[in-house]
Amino acid sequence: MTTIPQPIAAFFASSNRGEAAGVVACFTPTAILDDWGRHFEGHEGIASWDRTDNTGVRAHIEAVSSKAMGDTIVVTVKVSGNGFNGTGHMHFQLDGDKIARLDIK
């Protein structure tokens, strides 16, 4: 398993603690999040997604494996909570110490 970069680890930790402000702070102000074709942009969009699909449904995200693919870190996750439950893949692109893009597939 590739070492998970700090911005991604911080995103998982904030999510699992239910800290919505911490989740949003992990992203750049112009970040893009695509969750199975649903598109969210910027801090306002990330906060909206977080309320409906992440901390708002008490999601717990566990990294199962990760690998680097060019400028993308792909993390296989196991998710549980009051929303989606199961495994999936999160494709992260970073900009310094923040997440610039997250594609959930």
PDB file of N, CA and C in Angstrom:
ATOM      1  N   MET A   1       0.853  -1.176   0.000  1.00  0.00           N
ATOM      2  CA  MET A   1       0.000   0.000   0.000  1.00  0.00           C
ATOM      3  C   MET A   1       0.893   1.231   0.000  1.00  0.00           C
ATOM      4  N   THR A   2       0.613   2.160  -0.899  1.00  0.00           N
ATOM      5  CA  THR A   2       1.305   3.437  -0.953  1.00  0.00           C
ATOM      6  C   THR A   2       0.954   4.230   0.305  1.00  0.00           C
ATOM      7  N   THR A   3       1.911   4.955   0.848  1.00  0.00           N
ATOM      8  CA  THR A   3       1.629   5.806   1.990  1.00  0.00           C
ATOM      9  C   THR A   3       0.586   6.842   1.594  1.00  0.00           C
ATOM     10  N   ILE A   4      -0.429   7.001   2.416  1.00  0.00           N
ATOM     11  CA  ILE A   4      -1.492   7.958   2.119  1.00  0.00           C
ATOM     12  C   ILE A   4      -1.000   9.350   2.491  1.00  0.00           C
ATOM     13  N   PRO A   5      -0.993  10.279   1.530  1.00  0.00           N
ATOM     14  CA  PRO A   5      -0.530  11.639   1.813  1.00  0.00           C
ATOM     15  C   PRO A   5      -1.367  12.323   2.895  1.00  0.00           C
ATOM     16  N   GLN A   6      -0.760  13.250   3.595  1.00  0.00           N
ATOM     17  CA  GLN A   6      -1.385  13.939   4.723  1.00  0.00           C
ATOM     18  C   GLN A   6      -2.740  14.550   4.397  1.00  0.00           C
ATOM     19  N   PRO A   7      -2.922  15.250   3.264  1.00  0.00           N
ATOM     20  CA  PRO A   7      -4.249  15.835   3.006  1.00  0.00           C
ATOM     21  C   PRO A   7      -5.366  14.788   2.936  1.00  0.00           C
ATOM     22  N   ILE A   8      -5.049  13.621   2.395  1.00  0.00           N
ATOM     23  CA  ILE A   8      -6.042  12.549   2.292  1.00  0.00           C
ATOM     24  C   ILE A   8      -6.299  11.946   3.667  1.00  0.00           C
ATOM     25  N   ALA A   9      -5.230  11.715   4.430  1.00  0.00           N
ATOM     26  CA  ALA A   9      -5.381  11.194   5.789  1.00  0.00           C
ATOM     27  C   ALA A   9      -6.199  12.161   6.644  1.00  0.00           C
ATOM     28  N   ALA A  10      -5.968  13.471   6.482  1.00  0.00           N
ATOM     29  CA  ALA A  10      -6.728  14.476   7.234  1.00  0.00           C
ATOM     30  C   ALA A  10      -8.200  14.445   6.840  1.00  0.00           C
ATOM     31  N   PHE A  11      -8.480  14.260   5.539  1.00  0.00           N
ATOM     32  CA  PHE A  11      -9.859  14.153   5.067  1.00  0.00           C
ATOM     33  C   PHE A  11     -10.559  12.958   5.717  1.00  0.00           C
ATOM     34  N   PHE A  12      -9.902  11.798   5.724  1.00  0.00           N
ATOM     35  CA  PHE A  12     -10.490  10.611   6.346  1.00  0.00           C
ATOM     36  C   PHE A  12     -10.714  10.843   7.842  1.00  0.00           C
ATOM     37  N   ALA A  13      -9.724  11.411   8.525  1.00  0.00           N
ATOM     38  CA  ALA A  13      -9.833  11.637   9.974  1.00  0.00           C
ATOM     39  C   ALA A  13     -10.972  12.610  10.289  1.00  0.00           C
ATOM     40  N   SER A  14     -11.060  13.717   9.564  1.00  0.00           N
ATOM     41  CA  SER A  14     -12.142  14.687   9.798  1.00  0.00           C
ATOM     42  C   SER A  14     -13.497  14.059   9.514  1.00  0.00           C
ATOM     43  N   SER A  15     -13.582  13.293   8.448  1.00  0.00           N
ATOM     44  CA  SER A  15     -14.835  12.605   8.114  1.00  0.00           C
ATOM     45  C   SER A  15     -15.252  11.682   9.235  1.00  0.00           C
ATOM     46  N   ASN A  16     -14.322  10.876   9.705  1.00  0.00           N
ATOM     47  CA  ASN A  16     -14.642   9.875  10.715  1.00  0.00           C
ATOM     48  C   ASN A  16     -14.973  10.486  12.068  1.00  0.00           C
ATOM     49  N   ARG A  17     -14.492  11.702  12.331  1.00  0.00           N
ATOM     50  CA  ARG A  17     -14.834  12.403  13.572  1.00  0.00           C
ATOM     51  C   ARG A  17     -16.115  13.222  13.415  1.00  0.00           C
ATOM     52  N   GLY A  18     -16.666  13.277  12.201  1.00  0.00           N
ATOM     53  CA  GLY A  18     -17.875  14.044  11.957  1.00  0.00           C
ATOM     54  C   GLY A  18     -17.641  15.542  11.942  1.00  0.00           C
ATOM     55  N   GLU A  19     -16.441  15.966  11.609  1.00  0.00           N
ATOM     56  CA  GLU A  19     -16.067  17.374  11.604  1.00  0.00           C
ATOM     57  C   GLU A  19     -16.225  17.967  10.202  1.00  0.00           C
ATOM     58  N   ALA A  20     -17.392  18.508   9.940  1.00  0.00           N
ATOM     59  CA  ALA A  20     -17.701  19.032   8.612  1.00  0.00           C
ATOM     60  C   ALA A  20     -16.736  20.137   8.200  1.00  0.00           C
ATOM     61  N   ALA A  21     -16.442  21.064   9.097  1.00  0.00           N
ATOM     62  CA  ALA A  21     -15.519  22.159   8.754  1.00  0.00           C
ATOM     63  C   ALA A  21     -14.140  21.619   8.435  1.00  0.00           C
ATOM     64  N   GLY A  22     -13.713  20.590   9.134  1.00  0.00           N
ATOM     65  CA  GLY A  22     -12.421  19.966   8.864  1.00  0.00           C
ATOM     66  C   GLY A  22     -12.377  19.288   7.511  1.00  0.00           C
ATOM     67  N   VAL A  23     -13.487  18.667   7.124  1.00  0.00           N
ATOM     68  CA  VAL A  23     -13.573  18.034   5.804  1.00  0.00           C
ATOM     69  C   VAL A  23     -13.379  19.095   4.719  1.00  0.00           C
ATOM     70  N   VAL A  24     -14.143  20.169   4.790  1.00  0.00           N
ATOM     71  CA  VAL A  24     -14.075  21.223   3.782  1.00  0.00           C
ATOM     72  C   VAL A  24     -12.678  21.839   3.741  1.00  0.00           C
ATOM     73  N   ALA A  25     -12.056  22.007   4.894  1.00  0.00           N
ATOM     74  CA  ALA A  25     -10.725  22.620   4.964  1.00  0.00           C
ATOM     75  C   ALA A  25      -9.648  21.784   4.285  1.00  0.00           C
ATOM     76  N   CYS A  26      -9.907  20.526   4.035  1.00  0.00           N
ATOM     77  CA  CYS A  26      -8.939  19.656   3.352  1.00  0.00           C
ATOM     78  C   CYS A  26      -8.856  19.944   1.857  1.00  0.00           C
ATOM     79  N   PHE A  27      -9.815  20.699   1.317  1.00  0.00           N
ATOM     80  CA  PHE A  27      -9.912  20.949  -0.117  1.00  0.00           C
ATOM     81  C   PHE A  27      -9.472  22.372  -0.468  1.00  0.00           C
ATOM     82  N   THR A  28      -8.978  22.541  -1.698  1.00  0.00           N
ATOM     83  CA  THR A  28      -8.671  23.875  -2.196  1.00  0.00           C
ATOM     84  C   THR A  28      -9.991  24.633  -2.391  1.00  0.00           C
ATOM     85  N   PRO A  29      -9.957  25.960  -2.418  1.00  0.00           N
ATOM     86  CA  PRO A  29     -11.192  26.730  -2.622  1.00  0.00           C
ATOM     87  C   PRO A  29     -11.890  26.439  -3.953  1.00  0.00           C
ATOM     88  N   THR A  30     -11.157  25.946  -4.938  1.00  0.00           N
ATOM     89  CA  THR A  30     -11.737  25.656  -6.254  1.00  0.00           C
ATOM     90  C   THR A  30     -11.808  24.156  -6.541  1.00  0.00           C
ATOM     91  N   ALA A  31     -11.766  23.353  -5.502  1.00  0.00           N
ATOM     92  CA  ALA A  31     -11.761  21.897  -5.667  1.00  0.00           C
ATOM     93  C   ALA A  31     -13.010  21.411  -6.379  1.00  0.00           C
ATOM     94  N   ILE A  32     -12.856  20.255  -7.006  1.00  0.00           N
ATOM     95  CA  ILE A  32     -13.963  19.570  -7.676  1.00  0.00           C
ATOM     96  C   ILE A  32     -14.118  18.200  -7.031  1.00  0.00           C
ATOM     97  N   LEU A  33     -15.365  17.837  -6.741  1.00  0.00           N
ATOM     98  CA  LEU A  33     -15.678  16.519  -6.217  1.00  0.00           C
ATOM     99  C   LEU A  33     -16.745  15.922  -7.112  1.00  0.00           C
ATOM    100  N   ASP A  34     -16.472  14.736  -7.628  1.00  0.00           N
ATOM    101  CA  ASP A  34     -17.430  14.019  -8.468  1.00  0.00           C
ATOM    102  C   ASP A  34     -17.746  12.700  -7.777  1.00  0.00           C
ATOM    103  N   ASP A  35     -18.985  12.537  -7.355  1.00  0.00           N
ATOM    104  CA  ASP A  35     -19.415  11.349  -6.631  1.00  0.00           C
ATOM    105  C   ASP A  35     -20.374  10.573  -7.531  1.00  0.00           C
ATOM    106  N   TRP A  36     -19.814   9.608  -8.253  1.00  0.00           N
ATOM    107  CA  TRP A  36     -20.598   8.783  -9.175  1.00  0.00           C
ATOM    108  C   TRP A  36     -21.413   9.645 -10.133  1.00  0.00           C
ATOM    109  N   GLY A  37     -20.780  10.692 -10.682  1.00  0.00           N
ATOM    110  CA  GLY A  37     -21.423  11.530 -11.676  1.00  0.00           C
ATOM    111  C   GLY A  37     -22.115  12.762 -11.112  1.00  0.00           C
ATOM    112  N   ARG A  38     -22.243  12.860  -9.813  1.00  0.00           N
ATOM    113  CA  ARG A  38     -22.794  14.079  -9.198  1.00  0.00           C
ATOM    114  C   ARG A  38     -21.625  15.017  -8.944  1.00  0.00           C
ATOM    115  N   HIS A  39     -21.715  16.215  -9.443  1.00  0.00           N
ATOM    116  CA  HIS A  39     -20.593  17.149  -9.511  1.00  0.00           C
ATOM    117  C   HIS A  39     -20.765  18.268  -8.473  1.00  0.00           C
ATOM    118  N   PHE A  40     -19.716  18.522  -7.680  1.00  0.00           N
ATOM    119  CA  PHE A  40     -19.718  19.569  -6.667  1.00  0.00           C
ATOM    120  C   PHE A  40     -18.450  20.394  -6.840  1.00  0.00           C
ATOM    121  N   GLU A  41     -18.573  21.718  -6.694  1.00  0.00           N
ATOM    122  CA  GLU A  41     -17.415  22.587  -6.891  1.00  0.00           C
ATOM    123  C   GLU A  41     -17.222  23.527  -5.719  1.00  0.00           C
ATOM    124  N   GLY A  42     -15.944  23.778  -5.391  1.00  0.00           N
ATOM    125  CA  GLY A  42     -15.574  24.746  -4.368  1.00  0.00           C
ATOM    126  C   GLY A  42     -15.988  24.330  -2.975  1.00  0.00           C
ATOM    127  N   HIS A  43     -15.643  25.170  -2.014  1.00  0.00           N
ATOM    128  CA  HIS A  43     -15.956  24.850  -0.625  1.00  0.00           C
ATOM    129  C   HIS A  43     -17.456  24.716  -0.393  1.00  0.00           C
ATOM    130  N   GLU A  44     -18.261  25.556  -1.046  1.00  0.00           N
ATOM    131  CA  GLU A  44     -19.710  25.467  -0.880  1.00  0.00           C
ATOM    132  C   GLU A  44     -20.243  24.129  -1.394  1.00  0.00           C
ATOM    133  N   GLY A  45     -19.763  23.707  -2.545  1.00  0.00           N
ATOM    134  CA  GLY A  45     -20.187  22.423  -3.095  1.00  0.00           C
ATOM    135  C   GLY A  45     -19.726  21.252  -2.252  1.00  0.00           C
ATOM    136  N   ILE A  46     -18.479  21.316  -1.784  1.00  0.00           N
ATOM    137  CA  ILE A  46     -17.949  20.236  -0.938  1.00  0.00           C
ATOM    138  C   ILE A  46     -18.776  20.157   0.348  1.00  0.00           C
ATOM    139  N   ALA A  47     -19.109  21.314   0.934  1.00  0.00           N
ATOM    140  CA  ALA A  47     -19.912  21.333   2.162  1.00  0.00           C
ATOM    141  C   ALA A  47     -21.291  20.722   1.920  1.00  0.00           C
ATOM    142  N   SER A  48     -21.883  21.006   0.768  1.00  0.00           N
ATOM    143  CA  SER A  48     -23.186  20.436   0.427  1.00  0.00           C
ATOM    144  C   SER A  48     -23.095  18.913   0.338  1.00  0.00           C
ATOM    145  N   TRP A  49     -22.087  18.418  -0.380  1.00  0.00           N
ATOM    146  CA  TRP A  49     -21.884  16.964  -0.483  1.00  0.00           C
ATOM    147  C   TRP A  49     -21.657  16.363   0.892  1.00  0.00           C
ATOM    148  N   ASP A  50     -20.850  17.032   1.707  1.00  0.00           N
ATOM    149  CA  ASP A  50     -20.532  16.510   3.035  1.00  0.00           C
ATOM    150  C   ASP A  50     -21.802  16.361   3.878  1.00  0.00           C
ATOM    151  N   ARG A  51     -22.705  17.330   3.795  1.00  0.00           N
ATOM    152  CA  ARG A  51     -23.944  17.269   4.580  1.00  0.00           C
ATOM    153  C   ARG A  51     -24.830  16.098   4.168  1.00  0.00           C
ATOM    154  N   THR A  52     -24.884  15.815   2.864  1.00  0.00           N
ATOM    155  CA  THR A  52     -25.813  14.792   2.378  1.00  0.00           C
ATOM    156  C   THR A  52     -25.208  13.401   2.244  1.00  0.00           C
ATOM    157  N   ASP A  53     -23.879  13.324   2.114  1.00  0.00           N
ATOM    158  CA  ASP A  53     -23.270  12.032   1.770  1.00  0.00           C
ATOM    159  C   ASP A  53     -22.111  11.607   2.673  1.00  0.00           C
ATOM    160  N   ASN A  54     -21.707  12.446   3.605  1.00  0.00           N
ATOM    161  CA  ASN A  54     -20.520  12.110   4.387  1.00  0.00           C
ATOM    162  C   ASN A  54     -20.800  12.306   5.877  1.00  0.00           C
ATOM    163  N   THR A  55     -20.352  13.420   6.456  1.00  0.00           N
ATOM    164  CA  THR A  55     -20.568  13.581   7.899  1.00  0.00           C
ATOM    165  C   THR A  55     -22.047  13.653   8.242  1.00  0.00           C
ATOM    166  N   GLY A  56     -22.860  14.162   7.326  1.00  0.00           N
ATOM    167  CA  GLY A  56     -24.300  14.256   7.565  1.00  0.00           C
ATOM    168  C   GLY A  56     -24.987  12.915   7.701  1.00  0.00           C
ATOM    169  N   VAL A  57     -24.362  11.860   7.203  1.00  0.00           N
ATOM    170  CA  VAL A  57     -24.910  10.507   7.342  1.00  0.00           C
ATOM    171  C   VAL A  57     -23.977   9.619   8.165  1.00  0.00           C
ATOM    172  N   ARG A  58     -23.098  10.284   8.920  1.00  0.00           N
ATOM    173  CA  ARG A  58     -22.184   9.601   9.844  1.00  0.00           C
ATOM    174  C   ARG A  58     -21.340   8.533   9.152  1.00  0.00           C
ATOM    175  N   ALA A  59     -20.851   8.888   7.965  1.00  0.00           N
ATOM    176  CA  ALA A  59     -20.014   7.949   7.218  1.00  0.00           C
ATOM    177  C   ALA A  59     -18.695   7.716   7.949  1.00  0.00           C
ATOM    178  N   HIS A  60     -18.247   6.496   7.900  1.00  0.00           N
ATOM    179  CA  HIS A  60     -16.923   6.128   8.410  1.00  0.00           C
ATOM    180  C   HIS A  60     -16.162   5.544   7.225  1.00  0.00           C
ATOM    181  N   ILE A  61     -14.990   6.119   6.943  1.00  0.00           N
ATOM    182  CA  ILE A  61     -14.206   5.718   5.778  1.00  0.00           C
ATOM    183  C   ILE A  61     -12.926   5.044   6.248  1.00  0.00           C
ATOM    184  N   GLU A  62     -12.713   3.830   5.781  1.00  0.00           N
ATOM    185  CA  GLU A  62     -11.501   3.074   6.122  1.00  0.00           C
ATOM    186  C   GLU A  62     -10.721   2.789   4.842  1.00  0.00           C
ATOM    187  N   ALA A  63      -9.469   3.202   4.826  1.00  0.00           N
ATOM    188  CA  ALA A  63      -8.611   2.917   3.674  1.00  0.00           C
ATOM    189  C   ALA A  63      -8.228   1.443   3.700  1.00  0.00           C
ATOM    190  N   VAL A  64      -8.465   0.760   2.589  1.00  0.00           N
ATOM    191  CA  VAL A  64      -8.128  -0.652   2.455  1.00  0.00           C
ATOM    192  C   VAL A  64      -6.786  -0.805   1.735  1.00  0.00           C
ATOM    193  N   SER A  65      -6.605  -0.010   0.671  1.00  0.00           N
ATOM    194  CA  SER A  65      -5.343  -0.020  -0.074  1.00  0.00           C
ATOM    195  C   SER A  65      -5.225   1.297  -0.825  1.00  0.00           C
ATOM    196  N   SER A  66      -4.015   1.583  -1.263  1.00  0.00           N
ATOM    197  CA  SER A  66      -3.810   2.797  -2.057  1.00  0.00           C
ATOM    198  C   SER A  66      -2.658   2.587  -3.013  1.00  0.00           C
ATOM    199  N   LYS A  67      -2.703   3.337  -4.118  1.00  0.00           N
ATOM    200  CA  LYS A  67      -1.610   3.278  -5.081  1.00  0.00           C
ATOM    201  C   LYS A  67      -1.548   4.599  -5.832  1.00  0.00           C
ATOM    202  N   ALA A  68      -0.353   4.959  -6.227  1.00  0.00           N
ATOM    203  CA  ALA A  68      -0.150   6.163  -7.026  1.00  0.00           C
ATOM    204  C   ALA A  68      -0.251   5.784  -8.493  1.00  0.00           C
ATOM    205  N   MET A  69      -0.987   6.602  -9.243  1.00  0.00           N
ATOM    206  CA  MET A  69      -1.121   6.414 -10.688  1.00  0.00           C
ATOM    207  C   MET A  69      -0.892   7.780 -11.322  1.00  0.00           C
ATOM    208  N   GLY A  70       0.364   8.075 -11.656  1.00  0.00           N
ATOM    209  CA  GLY A  70       0.699   9.396 -12.157  1.00  0.00           C
ATOM    210  C   GLY A  70       0.496  10.419 -11.070  1.00  0.00           C
ATOM    211  N   ASP A  71      -0.307  11.461 -11.348  1.00  0.00           N
ATOM    212  CA  ASP A  71      -0.558  12.494 -10.339  1.00  0.00           C
ATOM    213  C   ASP A  71      -1.813  12.214  -9.508  1.00  0.00           C
ATOM    214  N   THR A  72      -2.313  10.991  -9.597  1.00  0.00           N
ATOM    215  CA  THR A  72      -3.516  10.596  -8.869  1.00  0.00           C
ATOM    216  C   THR A  72      -3.184   9.528  -7.838  1.00  0.00           C
ATOM    217  N   ILE A  73      -3.744   9.678  -6.648  1.00  0.00           N
ATOM    218  CA  ILE A  73      -3.656   8.648  -5.616  1.00  0.00           C
ATOM    219  C   ILE A  73      -5.014   7.963  -5.573  1.00  0.00           C
ATOM    220  N   VAL A  74      -5.030   6.663  -5.831  1.00  0.00           N
ATOM    221  CA  VAL A  74      -6.271   5.894  -5.811  1.00  0.00           C
ATOM    222  C   VAL A  74      -6.321   5.113  -4.506  1.00  0.00           C
ATOM    223  N   VAL A  75      -7.361   5.384  -3.728  1.00  0.00           N
ATOM    224  CA  VAL A  75      -7.526   4.714  -2.444  1.00  0.00           C
ATOM    225  C   VAL A  75      -8.791   3.871  -2.513  1.00  0.00           C
ATOM    226  N   THR A  76      -8.644   2.581  -2.268  1.00  0.00           N
ATOM    227  CA  THR A  76      -9.793   1.699  -2.134  1.00  0.00           C
ATOM    228  C   THR A  76     -10.262   1.843  -0.702  1.00  0.00           C
ATOM    229  N   VAL A  77     -11.559   2.121  -0.534  1.00  0.00           N
ATOM    230  CA  VAL A  77     -12.101   2.392   0.793  1.00  0.00           C
ATOM    231  C   VAL A  77     -13.273   1.474   1.100  1.00  0.00           C
ATOM    232  N   LYS A  78     -13.462   1.274   2.389  1.00  0.00           N
ATOM    233  CA  LYS A  78     -14.643   0.596   2.900  1.00  0.00           C
ATOM    234  C   LYS A  78     -15.421   1.661   3.669  1.00  0.00           C
ATOM    235  N   VAL A  79     -16.676   1.875   3.271  1.00  0.00           N
ATOM    236  CA  VAL A  79     -17.493   2.925   3.866  1.00  0.00           C
ATOM    237  C   VAL A  79     -18.669   2.292   4.610  1.00  0.00           C
ATOM    238  N   SER A  80     -18.937   2.826   5.792  1.00  0.00           N
ATOM    239  CA  SER A  80     -20.108   2.402   6.560  1.00  0.00           C
ATOM    240  C   SER A  80     -20.763   3.643   7.153  1.00  0.00           C
ATOM    241  N   GLY A  81     -21.987   3.513   7.575  1.00  0.00           N
ATOM    242  CA  GLY A  81     -22.721   4.627   8.169  1.00  0.00           C
ATOM    243  C   GLY A  81     -24.183   4.552   7.797  1.00  0.00           C
ATOM    244  N   ASN A  82     -24.834   5.710   7.783  1.00  0.00           N
ATOM    245  CA  ASN A  82     -26.267   5.773   7.483  1.00  0.00           C
ATOM    246  C   ASN A  82     -26.546   6.149   6.033  1.00  0.00           C
ATOM    247  N   GLY A  83     -25.549   6.026   5.187  1.00  0.00           N
ATOM    248  CA  GLY A  83     -25.699   6.281   3.755  1.00  0.00           C
ATOM    249  C   GLY A  83     -25.168   5.075   3.000  1.00  0.00           C
ATOM    250  N   PHE A  84     -24.255   5.340   2.054  1.00  0.00           N
ATOM    251  CA  PHE A  84     -23.624   4.253   1.300  1.00  0.00           C
ATOM    252  C   PHE A  84     -22.850   3.356   2.246  1.00  0.00           C
ATOM    253  N   ASN A  85     -22.973   2.049   2.048  1.00  0.00           N
ATOM    254  CA  ASN A  85     -22.192   1.066   2.782  1.00  0.00           C
ATOM    255  C   ASN A  85     -21.606   0.102   1.770  1.00  0.00           C
ATOM    256  N   GLY A  86     -20.279  -0.016   1.794  1.00  0.00           N
ATOM    257  CA  GLY A  86     -19.621  -0.926   0.876  1.00  0.00           C
ATOM    258  C   GLY A  86     -18.237  -0.427   0.536  1.00  0.00           C
ATOM    259  N   THR A  87     -17.670  -1.004  -0.515  1.00  0.00           N
ATOM    260  CA  THR A  87     -16.335  -0.601  -0.935  1.00  0.00           C
ATOM    261  C   THR A  87     -16.434   0.233  -2.204  1.00  0.00           C
ATOM    262  N   GLY A  88     -15.420   1.046  -2.404  1.00  0.00           N
ATOM    263  CA  GLY A  88     -15.354   1.882  -3.588  1.00  0.00           C
ATOM    264  C   GLY A  88     -13.945   2.413  -3.755  1.00  0.00           C
ATOM    265  N   HIS A  89     -13.781   3.266  -4.731  1.00  0.00           N
ATOM    266  CA  HIS A  89     -12.470   3.839  -5.031  1.00  0.00           C
ATOM    267  C   HIS A  89     -12.576   5.356  -5.016  1.00  0.00           C
ATOM    268  N   MET A  90     -11.639   5.979  -4.336  1.00  0.00           N
ATOM    269  CA  MET A  90     -11.537   7.430  -4.299  1.00  0.00           C
ATOM    270  C   MET A  90     -10.252   7.813  -5.020  1.00  0.00           C
ATOM    271  N   HIS A  91     -10.387   8.635  -6.057  1.00  0.00           N
ATOM    272  CA  HIS A  91      -9.255   9.085  -6.870  1.00  0.00           C
ATOM    273  C   HIS A  91      -8.962  10.537  -6.492  1.00  0.00           C
ATOM    274  N   PHE A  92      -7.829  10.771  -5.841  1.00  0.00           N
ATOM    275  CA  PHE A  92      -7.464  12.089  -5.347  1.00  0.00           C
ATOM    276  C   PHE A  92      -6.376  12.720  -6.210  1.00  0.00           C
ATOM    277  N   GLN A  93      -6.510  14.016  -6.464  1.00  0.00           N
ATOM    278  CA  GLN A  93      -5.434  14.825  -7.021  1.00  0.00           C
ATOM    279  C   GLN A  93      -5.179  15.944  -6.033  1.00  0.00           C
ATOM    280  N   LEU A  94      -3.915  16.172  -5.734  1.00  0.00           N
ATOM    281  CA  LEU A  94      -3.537  17.140  -4.721  1.00  0.00           C
ATOM    282  C   LEU A  94      -2.944  18.390  -5.338  1.00  0.00           C
ATOM    283  N   ASP A  95      -3.050  19.482  -4.592  1.00  0.00           N
ATOM    284  CA  ASP A  95      -2.397  20.741  -4.923  1.00  0.00           C
ATOM    285  C   ASP A  95      -1.738  21.199  -3.628  1.00  0.00           C
ATOM    286  N   GLY A  96      -0.455  20.905  -3.489  1.00  0.00           N
ATOM    287  CA  GLY A  96       0.248  21.197  -2.240  1.00  0.00           C
ATOM    288  C   GLY A  96      -0.321  20.368  -1.110  1.00  0.00           C
ATOM    289  N   ASP A  97      -0.776  21.047  -0.055  1.00  0.00           N
ATOM    290  CA  ASP A  97      -1.286  20.333   1.113  1.00  0.00           C
ATOM    291  C   ASP A  97      -2.818  20.268   1.142  1.00  0.00           C
ATOM    292  N   LYS A  98      -3.450  20.395  -0.024  1.00  0.00           N
ATOM    293  CA  LYS A  98      -4.917  20.343  -0.126  1.00  0.00           C
ATOM    294  C   LYS A  98      -5.338  19.394  -1.243  1.00  0.00           C
ATOM    295  N   ILE A  99      -6.574  18.955  -1.178  1.00  0.00           N
ATOM    296  CA  ILE A  99      -7.165  18.127  -2.228  1.00  0.00           C
ATOM    297  C   ILE A  99      -7.752  19.051  -3.294  1.00  0.00           C
ATOM    298  N   ALA A 100      -7.308  18.879  -4.536  1.00  0.00           N
ATOM    299  CA  ALA A 100      -7.815  19.698  -5.642  1.00  0.00           C
ATOM    300  C   ALA A 100      -8.973  19.015  -6.366  1.00  0.00           C
ATOM    301  N   ARG A 101      -8.972  17.679  -6.338  1.00  0.00           N
ATOM    302  CA  ARG A 101     -10.028  16.937  -7.017  1.00  0.00           C
ATOM    303  C   ARG A 101     -10.204  15.581  -6.331  1.00  0.00           C
ATOM    304  N   LEU A 102     -11.451  15.191  -6.187  1.00  0.00           N
ATOM    305  CA  LEU A 102     -11.791  13.874  -5.673  1.00  0.00           C
ATOM    306  C   LEU A 102     -12.875  13.288  -6.559  1.00  0.00           C
ATOM    307  N   ASP A 103     -12.574  12.144  -7.164  1.00  0.00           N
ATOM    308  CA  ASP A 103     -13.540  11.399  -7.955  1.00  0.00           C
ATOM    309  C   ASP A 103     -13.840  10.114  -7.200  1.00  0.00           C
ATOM    310  N   ILE A 104     -15.119   9.915  -6.893  1.00  0.00           N
ATOM    311  CA  ILE A 104     -15.550   8.721  -6.188  1.00  0.00           C
ATOM    312  C   ILE A 104     -16.230   7.817  -7.204  1.00  0.00           C
ATOM    313  N   LYS A 105     -15.704   6.577  -7.308  1.00  0.00           N
ATOM    314  CA  LYS A 105     -16.212   5.640  -8.320  1.00  0.00           C
ATOM    315  C   LYS A 105     -16.476   4.297  -7.697  1.00  0.00           C
TER     316      LYS A 105
END
